[in-house]
Amino acid sequence: MKIFRLSESGKEQLIRILEPGDFVGELAPFSESVFAHFAVAMEKTELCIMRRNDLQAFLMKYPEISIRILEEFSRRLEKTAKN
């Protein structure tokens, strides 16, 4: 999937390309902000969608998932810092 936002002129600004096993919307459990990002499947895609409250409950039940999300945050920050 391609994740992008639109510039003021309407041009796509690529944020990232998701691959199998990747996730998006990771800020939802921690913020009530709404992001104006768009997603387009580039090939046949299956999605798992969870509402904010359901995800929070899931993370409380399986805290090791929270650690995995934090690890991914760390990788993304490191990648951004290197660019």
Protein backbone atom coordinates (compact mmCIF):
# COMPACT_ATOMS: atom_id res chain seq x y z
CA MET A 1 0.00 0.00 0.00
CA LYS A 2 1.08 3.51 -0.74
CA ILE A 3 0.55 6.01 2.09
CA PHE A 4 0.53 9.65 1.01
CA ARG A 5 -0.81 13.10 1.75
CA LEU A 6 -1.85 15.82 -0.66
CA SER A 7 0.03 19.09 -0.95
CA GLU A 8 -1.86 22.38 -1.12
CA SER A 9 -1.60 22.15 -4.93
CA GLY A 10 -3.13 18.64 -4.86
CA LYS A 11 0.11 16.81 -5.64
CA GLU A 12 0.74 13.47 -3.88
CA GLN A 13 3.52 13.50 -1.30
CA LEU A 14 4.62 9.93 -0.60
CA ILE A 15 4.95 9.11 3.09
CA ARG A 16 5.88 5.44 2.79
CA ILE A 17 5.17 2.16 1.07
CA LEU A 18 3.72 -0.56 3.29
CA GLU A 19 4.74 -4.17 2.81
CA PRO A 20 3.18 -7.36 4.20
CA GLY A 21 3.13 -7.22 8.00
CA ASP A 22 3.55 -3.41 8.18
CA PHE A 23 1.05 -1.25 9.99
CA VAL A 24 -0.29 2.27 9.80
CA GLY A 25 -2.32 4.40 12.19
CA GLU A 26 0.01 3.57 15.05
CA LEU A 27 -0.58 6.94 16.70
CA ALA A 28 -4.30 6.22 17.16
CA PRO A 29 -3.98 4.57 20.60
CA PHE A 30 -1.95 7.53 21.89
CA SER A 31 -3.59 10.54 20.25
CA GLU A 32 -7.05 11.57 19.21
CA SER A 33 -5.63 13.63 16.33
CA VAL A 34 -6.95 12.94 12.87
CA PHE A 35 -4.37 12.75 10.09
CA ALA A 36 -5.15 13.67 6.50
CA HIS A 37 -3.27 10.75 4.99
CA PHE A 38 -4.51 8.53 2.21
CA ALA A 39 -3.80 4.91 1.31
CA VAL A 40 -4.00 3.16 -2.03
CA ALA A 41 -3.50 -0.57 -2.51
CA MET A 42 -0.86 -1.18 -5.18
CA GLU A 43 -1.82 -4.85 -5.49
CA LYS A 44 -4.39 -7.24 -3.99
CA THR A 45 -4.40 -6.45 -0.27
CA GLU A 46 -5.93 -7.80 2.94
CA LEU A 47 -6.34 -5.46 5.89
CA CYS A 48 -6.91 -5.83 9.60
CA ILE A 49 -8.68 -2.79 11.02
CA MET A 50 -9.14 -2.09 14.72
CA ARG A 51 -10.96 0.79 16.38
CA ARG A 52 -8.99 2.87 18.87
CA ASN A 53 -10.75 1.44 21.95
CA ASP A 54 -10.38 -2.13 20.70
CA LEU A 55 -6.68 -1.62 20.01
CA GLN A 56 -6.12 -0.13 23.46
CA ALA A 57 -7.86 -3.12 25.07
CA PHE A 58 -5.79 -5.50 22.92
CA LEU A 59 -2.56 -3.78 23.99
CA MET A 60 -3.56 -4.02 27.65
CA LYS A 61 -4.24 -7.74 27.25
CA TYR A 62 -1.04 -8.39 25.25
CA PRO A 63 1.53 -5.81 26.41
CA GLU A 64 4.29 -7.46 24.37
CA ILE A 65 2.57 -6.02 21.28
CA SER A 66 3.13 -2.53 22.73
CA ILE A 67 6.85 -3.30 22.91
CA ARG A 68 6.81 -4.34 19.23
CA ILE A 69 5.08 -1.08 18.29
CA LEU A 70 7.68 0.91 20.25
CA GLU A 71 10.45 -1.02 18.50
CA GLU A 72 8.96 -0.05 15.16
CA PHE A 73 8.69 3.60 16.26
CA SER A 74 12.37 3.46 17.16
CA ARG A 75 13.32 2.01 13.74
CA ARG A 76 11.31 4.71 11.95
CA LEU A 77 12.86 7.51 14.01
CA GLU A 78 16.33 6.12 13.37
CA LYS A 79 15.63 5.93 9.62
CA THR A 80 14.34 9.51 9.61
CA ALA A 81 17.39 10.74 11.51
CA LYS A 82 19.71 9.13 8.94
CA ASN A 83 17.98 10.85 5.99
